[in-house]
Amino acid sequence: MTDEFDPVAALHEHLAATEERPVEREAGWRLGEAQALAAEIAGGGVDDATVVRRADEIRTLLAEIDRTGDSEADDHVAAARELANRIANRTDGE
């Protein structure tokens, strides 16, 4: 059993949590795209370069969301932004 934090899994969880929230249409589209990308890399079997590239794409999508229209979703988006930044800025040594 390991207690190691997995930022990729956490990113996917935060984005998935917005799925059932009453978010604005434009934000919902971007969140759906970001969630699909996060699901791809959270599933495993993807090389590190792809994980970093997808995280950067997710970061770009989330940067275009000001507010979702739902405070709980906004909190998940903020957490997802931090995680996407962290993953996208990984170096080979991590």
PDB file of N, CA and C in Angstrom:
ATOM      1  N   MET A   1       0.847  -1.182   0.000  1.00  0.00           N
ATOM      2  CA  MET A   1       0.000   0.000   0.000  1.00  0.00           C
ATOM      3  C   MET A   1       0.891   1.243   0.000  1.00  0.00           C
ATOM      4  N   THR A   2       0.531   2.197  -0.838  1.00  0.00           N
ATOM      5  CA  THR A   2       1.329   3.412  -0.933  1.00  0.00           C
ATOM      6  C   THR A   2       0.460   4.635  -0.671  1.00  0.00           C
ATOM      7  N   ASP A   3       1.035   5.605  -0.005  1.00  0.00           N
ATOM      8  CA  ASP A   3       0.318   6.840   0.295  1.00  0.00           C
ATOM      9  C   ASP A   3       0.771   7.966  -0.630  1.00  0.00           C
ATOM     10  N   GLU A   4       1.477   7.619  -1.677  1.00  0.00           N
ATOM     11  CA  GLU A   4       2.010   8.615  -2.585  1.00  0.00           C
ATOM     12  C   GLU A   4       0.894   9.357  -3.312  1.00  0.00           C
ATOM     13  N   PHE A   5       0.968  10.685  -3.307  1.00  0.00           N
ATOM     14  CA  PHE A   5      -0.020  11.528  -3.968  1.00  0.00           C
ATOM     15  C   PHE A   5       0.196  11.460  -5.478  1.00  0.00           C
ATOM     16  N   ASP A   6      -0.868  11.230  -6.220  1.00  0.00           N
ATOM     17  CA  ASP A   6      -0.796  11.178  -7.680  1.00  0.00           C
ATOM     18  C   ASP A   6      -1.489  12.410  -8.250  1.00  0.00           C
ATOM     19  N   PRO A   7      -0.714  13.420  -8.681  1.00  0.00           N
ATOM     20  CA  PRO A   7      -1.326  14.648  -9.183  1.00  0.00           C
ATOM     21  C   PRO A   7      -2.174  14.428 -10.438  1.00  0.00           C
ATOM     22  N   VAL A   8      -1.827  13.445 -11.254  1.00  0.00           N
ATOM     23  CA  VAL A   8      -2.599  13.177 -12.477  1.00  0.00           C
ATOM     24  C   VAL A   8      -3.988  12.652 -12.114  1.00  0.00           C
ATOM     25  N   ALA A   9      -4.045  11.716 -11.169  1.00  0.00           N
ATOM     26  CA  ALA A   9      -5.338  11.191 -10.719  1.00  0.00           C
ATOM     27  C   ALA A   9      -6.155  12.289 -10.044  1.00  0.00           C
ATOM     28  N   ALA A  10      -5.504  13.114  -9.232  1.00  0.00           N
ATOM     29  CA  ALA A  10      -6.202  14.206  -8.549  1.00  0.00           C
ATOM     30  C   ALA A  10      -6.745  15.219  -9.554  1.00  0.00           C
ATOM     31  N   LEU A  11      -5.984  15.508 -10.597  1.00  0.00           N
ATOM     32  CA  LEU A  11      -6.438  16.411 -11.657  1.00  0.00           C
ATOM     33  C   LEU A  11      -7.722  15.874 -12.283  1.00  0.00           C
ATOM     34  N   HIS A  12      -7.711  14.594 -12.634  1.00  0.00           N
ATOM     35  CA  HIS A  12      -8.896  13.990 -13.236  1.00  0.00           C
ATOM     36  C   HIS A  12     -10.081  14.038 -12.278  1.00  0.00           C
ATOM     37  N   GLU A  13      -9.845  13.755 -11.003  1.00  0.00           N
ATOM     38  CA  GLU A  13     -10.927  13.771 -10.008  1.00  0.00           C
ATOM     39  C   GLU A  13     -11.561  15.153  -9.882  1.00  0.00           C
ATOM     40  N   HIS A  14     -10.731  16.192  -9.861  1.00  0.00           N
ATOM     41  CA  HIS A  14     -11.272  17.559  -9.759  1.00  0.00           C
ATOM     42  C   HIS A  14     -12.102  17.916 -10.990  1.00  0.00           C
ATOM     43  N   LEU A  15     -11.618  17.542 -12.157  1.00  0.00           N
ATOM     44  CA  LEU A  15     -12.365  17.857 -13.372  1.00  0.00           C
ATOM     45  C   LEU A  15     -13.650  17.036 -13.463  1.00  0.00           C
ATOM     46  N   ALA A  16     -13.580  15.776 -13.067  1.00  0.00           N
ATOM     47  CA  ALA A  16     -14.776  14.926 -13.081  1.00  0.00           C
ATOM     48  C   ALA A  16     -15.828  15.456 -12.107  1.00  0.00           C
ATOM     49  N   ALA A  17     -15.383  16.052 -11.008  1.00  0.00           N
ATOM     50  CA  ALA A  17     -16.318  16.580 -10.008  1.00  0.00           C
ATOM     51  C   ALA A  17     -17.138  17.753 -10.547  1.00  0.00           C
ATOM     52  N   THR A  18     -16.666  18.403 -11.600  1.00  0.00           N
ATOM     53  CA  THR A  18     -17.419  19.532 -12.169  1.00  0.00           C
ATOM     54  C   THR A  18     -18.530  19.052 -13.099  1.00  0.00           C
ATOM     55  N   GLU A  19     -18.485  17.786 -13.463  1.00  0.00           N
ATOM     56  CA  GLU A  19     -19.401  17.249 -14.472  1.00  0.00           C
ATOM     57  C   GLU A  19     -20.877  17.416 -14.095  1.00  0.00           C
ATOM     58  N   GLU A  20     -21.193  17.208 -12.844  1.00  0.00           N
ATOM     59  CA  GLU A  20     -22.588  17.279 -12.399  1.00  0.00           C
ATOM     60  C   GLU A  20     -22.974  18.658 -11.848  1.00  0.00           C
ATOM     61  N   ARG A  21     -22.060  19.596 -11.901  1.00  0.00           N
ATOM     62  CA  ARG A  21     -22.333  20.939 -11.384  1.00  0.00           C
ATOM     63  C   ARG A  21     -23.038  21.773 -12.452  1.00  0.00           C
ATOM     64  N   PRO A  22     -23.857  22.738 -12.023  1.00  0.00           N
ATOM     65  CA  PRO A  22     -24.570  23.602 -12.979  1.00  0.00           C
ATOM     66  C   PRO A  22     -23.666  24.733 -13.481  1.00  0.00           C
ATOM     67  N   VAL A  23     -22.777  24.399 -14.396  1.00  0.00           N
ATOM     68  CA  VAL A  23     -21.822  25.398 -14.900  1.00  0.00           C
ATOM     69  C   VAL A  23     -22.353  26.054 -16.173  1.00  0.00           C
ATOM     70  N   GLU A  24     -21.807  27.221 -16.465  1.00  0.00           N
ATOM     71  CA  GLU A  24     -22.181  27.940 -17.681  1.00  0.00           C
ATOM     72  C   GLU A  24     -21.751  27.126 -18.899  1.00  0.00           C
ATOM     73  N   ARG A  25     -22.465  27.317 -19.976  1.00  0.00           N
ATOM     74  CA  ARG A  25     -22.270  26.507 -21.185  1.00  0.00           C
ATOM     75  C   ARG A  25     -20.831  26.526 -21.710  1.00  0.00           C
ATOM     76  N   GLU A  26     -20.275  27.723 -21.869  1.00  0.00           N
ATOM     77  CA  GLU A  26     -18.907  27.843 -22.397  1.00  0.00           C
ATOM     78  C   GLU A  26     -17.889  27.178 -21.476  1.00  0.00           C
ATOM     79  N   ALA A  27     -18.043  27.406 -20.173  1.00  0.00           N
ATOM     80  CA  ALA A  27     -17.148  26.766 -19.204  1.00  0.00           C
ATOM     81  C   ALA A  27     -17.319  25.253 -19.262  1.00  0.00           C
ATOM     82  N   GLY A  28     -18.556  24.803 -19.402  1.00  0.00           N
ATOM     83  CA  GLY A  28     -18.837  23.366 -19.465  1.00  0.00           C
ATOM     84  C   GLY A  28     -18.156  22.694 -20.634  1.00  0.00           C
ATOM     85  N   TRP A  29     -18.126  23.367 -21.774  1.00  0.00           N
ATOM     86  CA  TRP A  29     -17.462  22.796 -22.951  1.00  0.00           C
ATOM     87  C   TRP A  29     -15.968  22.632 -22.680  1.00  0.00           C
ATOM     88  N   ARG A  30     -15.348  23.671 -22.145  1.00  0.00           N
ATOM     89  CA  ARG A  30     -13.908  23.612 -21.855  1.00  0.00           C
ATOM     90  C   ARG A  30     -13.605  22.569 -20.780  1.00  0.00           C
ATOM     91  N   LEU A  31     -14.454  22.504 -19.770  1.00  0.00           N
ATOM     92  CA  LEU A  31     -14.261  21.505 -18.713  1.00  0.00           C
ATOM     93  C   LEU A  31     -14.405  20.089 -19.265  1.00  0.00           C
ATOM     94  N   GLY A  32     -15.329  19.890 -20.169  1.00  0.00           N
ATOM     95  CA  GLY A  32     -15.505  18.571 -20.780  1.00  0.00           C
ATOM     96  C   GLY A  32     -14.278  18.151 -21.575  1.00  0.00           C
ATOM     97  N   GLU A  33     -13.728  19.089 -22.324  1.00  0.00           N
ATOM     98  CA  GLU A  33     -12.504  18.809 -23.091  1.00  0.00           C
ATOM     99  C   GLU A  33     -11.343  18.498 -22.146  1.00  0.00           C
ATOM    100  N   ALA A  34     -11.208  19.310 -21.107  1.00  0.00           N
ATOM    101  CA  ALA A  34     -10.125  19.113 -20.138  1.00  0.00           C
ATOM    102  C   ALA A  34     -10.282  17.768 -19.426  1.00  0.00           C
ATOM    103  N   GLN A  35     -11.507  17.425 -19.085  1.00  0.00           N
ATOM    104  CA  GLN A  35     -11.755  16.158 -18.395  1.00  0.00           C
ATOM    105  C   GLN A  35     -11.404  14.971 -19.289  1.00  0.00           C
ATOM    106  N   ALA A  36     -11.732  15.061 -20.572  1.00  0.00           N
ATOM    107  CA  ALA A  36     -11.398  13.972 -21.500  1.00  0.00           C
ATOM    108  C   ALA A  36      -9.880  13.781 -21.589  1.00  0.00           C
ATOM    109  N   LEU A  37      -9.148  14.866 -21.646  1.00  0.00           N
ATOM    110  CA  LEU A  37      -7.686  14.784 -21.688  1.00  0.00           C
ATOM    111  C   LEU A  37      -7.139  14.204 -20.390  1.00  0.00           C
ATOM    112  N   ALA A  38      -7.714  14.636 -19.259  1.00  0.00           N
ATOM    113  CA  ALA A  38      -7.262  14.133 -17.955  1.00  0.00           C
ATOM    114  C   ALA A  38      -7.555  12.642 -17.815  1.00  0.00           C
ATOM    115  N   ALA A  39      -8.693  12.205 -18.325  1.00  0.00           N
ATOM    116  CA  ALA A  39      -9.037  10.778 -18.262  1.00  0.00           C
ATOM    117  C   ALA A  39      -8.031   9.956 -19.057  1.00  0.00           C
ATOM    118  N   GLU A  40      -7.608  10.495 -20.185  1.00  0.00           N
ATOM    119  CA  GLU A  40      -6.632   9.807 -21.031  1.00  0.00           C
ATOM    120  C   GLU A  40      -5.319   9.560 -20.284  1.00  0.00           C
ATOM    121  N   ILE A  41      -4.832  10.582 -19.589  1.00  0.00           N
ATOM    122  CA  ILE A  41      -3.541  10.418 -18.921  1.00  0.00           C
ATOM    123  C   ILE A  41      -3.673   9.751 -17.559  1.00  0.00           C
ATOM    124  N   ALA A  42      -4.845   9.840 -16.932  1.00  0.00           N
ATOM    125  CA  ALA A  42      -5.041   9.197 -15.627  1.00  0.00           C
ATOM    126  C   ALA A  42      -5.184   7.691 -15.766  1.00  0.00           C
ATOM    127  N   GLY A  43      -5.529   7.231 -16.961  1.00  0.00           N
ATOM    128  CA  GLY A  43      -5.722   5.805 -17.184  1.00  0.00           C
ATOM    129  C   GLY A  43      -4.435   5.007 -17.198  1.00  0.00           C
ATOM    130  N   GLY A  44      -3.311   5.693 -17.239  1.00  0.00           N
ATOM    131  CA  GLY A  44      -2.017   5.007 -17.261  1.00  0.00           C
ATOM    132  C   GLY A  44      -1.652   4.551 -18.659  1.00  0.00           C
ATOM    133  N   GLY A  45      -0.475   3.986 -18.777  1.00  0.00           N
ATOM    134  CA  GLY A  45      -0.002   3.492 -20.067  1.00  0.00           C
ATOM    135  C   GLY A  45       0.372   4.593 -21.045  1.00  0.00           C
ATOM    136  N   VAL A  46       0.566   5.804 -20.538  1.00  0.00           N
ATOM    137  CA  VAL A  46       0.918   6.945 -21.379  1.00  0.00           C
ATOM    138  C   VAL A  46       2.312   7.404 -20.953  1.00  0.00           C
ATOM    139  N   ASP A  47       3.164   7.698 -21.930  1.00  0.00           N
ATOM    140  CA  ASP A  47       4.521   8.115 -21.568  1.00  0.00           C
ATOM    141  C   ASP A  47       4.519   9.509 -20.938  1.00  0.00           C
ATOM    142  N   ASP A  48       5.596   9.815 -20.224  1.00  0.00           N
ATOM    143  CA  ASP A  48       5.688  11.080 -19.479  1.00  0.00           C
ATOM    144  C   ASP A  48       5.554  12.302 -20.380  1.00  0.00           C
ATOM    145  N   ALA A  49       6.125  12.243 -21.572  1.00  0.00           N
ATOM    146  CA  ALA A  49       6.046  13.388 -22.483  1.00  0.00           C
ATOM    147  C   ALA A  49       4.590  13.680 -22.855  1.00  0.00           C
ATOM    148  N   THR A  50       3.807  12.632 -23.050  1.00  0.00           N
ATOM    149  CA  THR A  50       2.390  12.804 -23.377  1.00  0.00           C
ATOM    150  C   THR A  50       1.634  13.366 -22.184  1.00  0.00           C
ATOM    151  N   VAL A  51       1.954  12.888 -20.989  1.00  0.00           N
ATOM    152  CA  VAL A  51       1.315  13.402 -19.771  1.00  0.00           C
ATOM    153  C   VAL A  51       1.565  14.898 -19.655  1.00  0.00           C
ATOM    154  N   VAL A  52       2.796  15.325 -19.837  1.00  0.00           N
ATOM    155  CA  VAL A  52       3.151  16.737 -19.733  1.00  0.00           C
ATOM    156  C   VAL A  52       2.443  17.543 -20.825  1.00  0.00           C
ATOM    157  N   ARG A  53       2.415  17.025 -22.035  1.00  0.00           N
ATOM    158  CA  ARG A  53       1.761  17.712 -23.161  1.00  0.00           C
ATOM    159  C   ARG A  53       0.255  17.870 -22.903  1.00  0.00           C
ATOM    160  N   ARG A  54      -0.400  16.814 -22.453  1.00  0.00           N
ATOM    161  CA  ARG A  54      -1.842  16.870 -22.167  1.00  0.00           C
ATOM    162  C   ARG A  54      -2.125  17.831 -21.011  1.00  0.00           C
ATOM    163  N   ALA A  55      -1.276  17.814 -20.000  1.00  0.00           N
ATOM    164  CA  ALA A  55      -1.452  18.730 -18.870  1.00  0.00           C
ATOM    165  C   ALA A  55      -1.349  20.177 -19.341  1.00  0.00           C
ATOM    166  N   ASP A  56      -0.454  20.436 -20.285  1.00  0.00           N
ATOM    167  CA  ASP A  56      -0.331  21.783 -20.835  1.00  0.00           C
ATOM    168  C   ASP A  56      -1.594  22.161 -21.607  1.00  0.00           C
ATOM    169  N   GLU A  57      -2.155  21.213 -22.352  1.00  0.00           N
ATOM    170  CA  GLU A  57      -3.411  21.474 -23.066  1.00  0.00           C
ATOM    171  C   GLU A  57      -4.543  21.746 -22.078  1.00  0.00           C
ATOM    172  N   ILE A  58      -4.582  20.988 -20.988  1.00  0.00           N
ATOM    173  CA  ILE A  58      -5.591  21.187 -19.950  1.00  0.00           C
ATOM    174  C   ILE A  58      -5.410  22.574 -19.326  1.00  0.00           C
ATOM    175  N   ARG A  59      -4.174  22.927 -19.055  1.00  0.00           N
ATOM    176  CA  ARG A  59      -3.871  24.242 -18.481  1.00  0.00           C
ATOM    177  C   ARG A  59      -4.385  25.359 -19.391  1.00  0.00           C
ATOM    178  N   THR A  60      -4.200  25.208 -20.687  1.00  0.00           N
ATOM    179  CA  THR A  60      -4.679  26.203 -21.652  1.00  0.00           C
ATOM    180  C   THR A  60      -6.205  26.303 -21.628  1.00  0.00           C
ATOM    181  N   LEU A  61      -6.877  25.163 -21.609  1.00  0.00           N
ATOM    182  CA  LEU A  61      -8.343  25.162 -21.550  1.00  0.00           C
ATOM    183  C   LEU A  61      -8.849  25.829 -20.272  1.00  0.00           C
ATOM    184  N   LEU A  62      -8.241  25.493 -19.145  1.00  0.00           N
ATOM    185  CA  LEU A  62      -8.692  26.042 -17.869  1.00  0.00           C
ATOM    186  C   LEU A  62      -8.386  27.527 -17.747  1.00  0.00           C
ATOM    187  N   ALA A  63      -7.333  27.990 -18.404  1.00  0.00           N
ATOM    188  CA  ALA A  63      -6.978  29.408 -18.365  1.00  0.00           C
ATOM    189  C   ALA A  63      -8.050  30.272 -19.027  1.00  0.00           C
ATOM    190  N   GLU A  64      -8.836  29.670 -19.904  1.00  0.00           N
ATOM    191  CA  GLU A  64      -9.877  30.409 -20.613  1.00  0.00           C
ATOM    192  C   GLU A  64     -11.189  30.466 -19.830  1.00  0.00           C
ATOM    193  N   ILE A  65     -11.213  29.873 -18.647  1.00  0.00           N
ATOM    194  CA  ILE A  65     -12.421  29.888 -17.813  1.00  0.00           C
ATOM    195  C   ILE A  65     -12.225  30.910 -16.701  1.00  0.00           C
ATOM    196  N   ASP A  66     -13.036  31.968 -16.721  1.00  0.00           N
ATOM    197  CA  ASP A  66     -13.008  32.956 -15.642  1.00  0.00           C
ATOM    198  C   ASP A  66     -13.778  32.435 -14.453  1.00  0.00           C
ATOM    199  N   ARG A  67     -15.032  32.181 -14.700  1.00  0.00           N
ATOM    200  CA  ARG A  67     -15.935  31.636 -13.682  1.00  0.00           C
ATOM    201  C   ARG A  67     -16.839  30.623 -14.356  1.00  0.00           C
ATOM    202  N   THR A  68     -17.299  29.680 -13.567  1.00  0.00           N
ATOM    203  CA  THR A  68     -18.178  28.650 -14.108  1.00  0.00           C
ATOM    204  C   THR A  68     -19.646  28.949 -13.847  1.00  0.00           C
ATOM    205  N   GLY A  69     -19.914  29.863 -12.925  1.00  0.00           N
ATOM    206  CA  GLY A  69     -21.280  30.125 -12.515  1.00  0.00           C
ATOM    207  C   GLY A  69     -21.690  29.275 -11.317  1.00  0.00           C
ATOM    208  N   ASP A  70     -20.756  28.493 -10.786  1.00  0.00           N
ATOM    209  CA  ASP A  70     -21.016  27.627  -9.637  1.00  0.00           C
ATOM    210  C   ASP A  70     -19.776  27.661  -8.752  1.00  0.00           C
ATOM    211  N   SER A  71     -19.943  28.072  -7.497  1.00  0.00           N
ATOM    212  CA  SER A  71     -18.773  28.250  -6.625  1.00  0.00           C
ATOM    213  C   SER A  71     -18.040  26.942  -6.347  1.00  0.00           C
ATOM    214  N   GLU A  72     -18.756  25.841  -6.221  1.00  0.00           N
ATOM    215  CA  GLU A  72     -18.090  24.555  -5.982  1.00  0.00           C
ATOM    216  C   GLU A  72     -17.262  24.150  -7.204  1.00  0.00           C
ATOM    217  N   ALA A  73     -17.822  24.344  -8.384  1.00  0.00           N
ATOM    218  CA  ALA A  73     -17.073  24.043  -9.612  1.00  0.00           C
ATOM    219  C   ALA A  73     -15.860  24.963  -9.732  1.00  0.00           C
ATOM    220  N   ASP A  74     -16.029  26.242  -9.348  1.00  0.00           N
ATOM    221  CA  ASP A  74     -14.899  27.177  -9.380  1.00  0.00           C
ATOM    222  C   ASP A  74     -13.749  26.683  -8.515  1.00  0.00           C
ATOM    223  N   ASP A  75     -14.075  26.126  -7.338  1.00  0.00           N
ATOM    224  CA  ASP A  75     -13.037  25.588  -6.451  1.00  0.00           C
ATOM    225  C   ASP A  75     -12.314  24.409  -7.101  1.00  0.00           C
ATOM    226  N   HIS A  76     -13.059  23.544  -7.766  1.00  0.00           N
ATOM    227  CA  HIS A  76     -12.447  22.399  -8.456  1.00  0.00           C
ATOM    228  C   HIS A  76     -11.572  22.872  -9.621  1.00  0.00           C
ATOM    229  N   VAL A  77     -12.030  23.889 -10.323  1.00  0.00           N
ATOM    230  CA  VAL A  77     -11.245  24.432 -11.440  1.00  0.00           C
ATOM    231  C   VAL A  77      -9.942  25.027 -10.914  1.00  0.00           C
ATOM    232  N   ALA A  78     -10.003  25.750  -9.804  1.00  0.00           N
ATOM    233  CA  ALA A  78      -8.787  26.344  -9.225  1.00  0.00           C
ATOM    234  C   ALA A  78      -7.789  25.255  -8.837  1.00  0.00           C
ATOM    235  N   ALA A  79      -8.288  24.198  -8.208  1.00  0.00           N
ATOM    236  CA  ALA A  79      -7.406  23.086  -7.820  1.00  0.00           C
ATOM    237  C   ALA A  79      -6.845  22.394  -9.061  1.00  0.00           C
ATOM    238  N   ALA A  80      -7.679  22.206 -10.071  1.00  0.00           N
ATOM    239  CA  ALA A  80      -7.229  21.560 -11.313  1.00  0.00           C
ATOM    240  C   ALA A  80      -6.178  22.411 -12.013  1.00  0.00           C
ATOM    241  N   ARG A  81      -6.335  23.736 -11.975  1.00  0.00           N
ATOM    242  CA  ARG A  81      -5.339  24.630 -12.584  1.00  0.00           C
ATOM    243  C   ARG A  81      -3.978  24.428 -11.934  1.00  0.00           C
ATOM    244  N   GLU A  82      -3.968  24.399 -10.604  1.00  0.00           N
ATOM    245  CA  GLU A  82      -2.709  24.204  -9.878  1.00  0.00           C
ATOM    246  C   GLU A  82      -2.058  22.877 -10.247  1.00  0.00           C
ATOM    247  N   LEU A  83      -2.862  21.830 -10.286  1.00  0.00           N
ATOM    248  CA  LEU A  83      -2.329  20.505 -10.617  1.00  0.00           C
ATOM    249  C   LEU A  83      -1.834  20.449 -12.059  1.00  0.00           C
ATOM    250  N   ALA A  84      -2.584  21.021 -12.986  1.00  0.00           N
ATOM    251  CA  ALA A  84      -2.160  21.024 -14.390  1.00  0.00           C
ATOM    252  C   ALA A  84      -0.848  21.780 -14.548  1.00  0.00           C
ATOM    253  N   ASN A  85      -0.701  22.908 -13.840  1.00  0.00           N
ATOM    254  CA  ASN A  85       0.557  23.659 -13.870  1.00  0.00           C
ATOM    255  C   ASN A  85       1.705  22.815 -13.340  1.00  0.00           C
ATOM    256  N   ARG A  86       1.456  22.160 -12.225  1.00  0.00           N
ATOM    257  CA  ARG A  86       2.481  21.320 -11.603  1.00  0.00           C
ATOM    258  C   ARG A  86       2.922  20.186 -12.542  1.00  0.00           C
ATOM    259  N   ILE A  87       1.960  19.535 -13.170  1.00  0.00           N
ATOM    260  CA  ILE A  87       2.266  18.418 -14.075  1.00  0.00           C
ATOM    261  C   ILE A  87       2.950  18.933 -15.344  1.00  0.00           C
ATOM    262  N   ALA A  88       2.447  20.015 -15.910  1.00  0.00           N
ATOM    263  CA  ALA A  88       3.001  20.553 -17.155  1.00  0.00           C
ATOM    264  C   ALA A  88       4.424  21.062 -16.975  1.00  0.00           C
ATOM    265  N   ASN A  89       4.769  21.443 -15.759  1.00  0.00           N
ATOM    266  CA  ASN A  89       6.114  21.967 -15.484  1.00  0.00           C
ATOM    267  C   ASN A  89       7.083  20.910 -14.990  1.00  0.00           C
ATOM    268  N   ARG A  90       6.688  19.644 -15.061  1.00  0.00           N
ATOM    269  CA  ARG A  90       7.576  18.548 -14.636  1.00  0.00           C
ATOM    270  C   ARG A  90       8.862  18.538 -15.454  1.00  0.00           C
ATOM    271  N   THR A  91       9.905  18.119 -14.793  1.00  0.00           N
ATOM    272  CA  THR A  91      11.149  17.886 -15.513  1.00  0.00           C
ATOM    273  C   THR A  91      11.373  16.379 -15.568  1.00  0.00           C
ATOM    274  N   ASP A  92      12.280  15.942 -16.386  1.00  0.00           N
ATOM    275  CA  ASP A  92      12.537  14.510 -16.551  1.00  0.00           C
ATOM    276  C   ASP A  92      12.939  13.822 -15.253  1.00  0.00           C
ATOM    277  N   GLY A  93      13.463  14.594 -14.312  1.00  0.00           N
ATOM    278  CA  GLY A  93      13.923  14.005 -13.063  1.00  0.00           C
ATOM    279  C   GLY A  93      12.827  13.614 -12.091  1.00  0.00           C
ATOM    280  N   GLU A  94      11.605  14.019 -12.355  1.00  0.00           N
ATOM    281  CA  GLU A  94      10.519  13.735 -11.399  1.00  0.00           C
ATOM    282  C   GLU A  94       9.866  12.416 -11.685  1.00  0.00           C
TER     283      GLU A  94
END
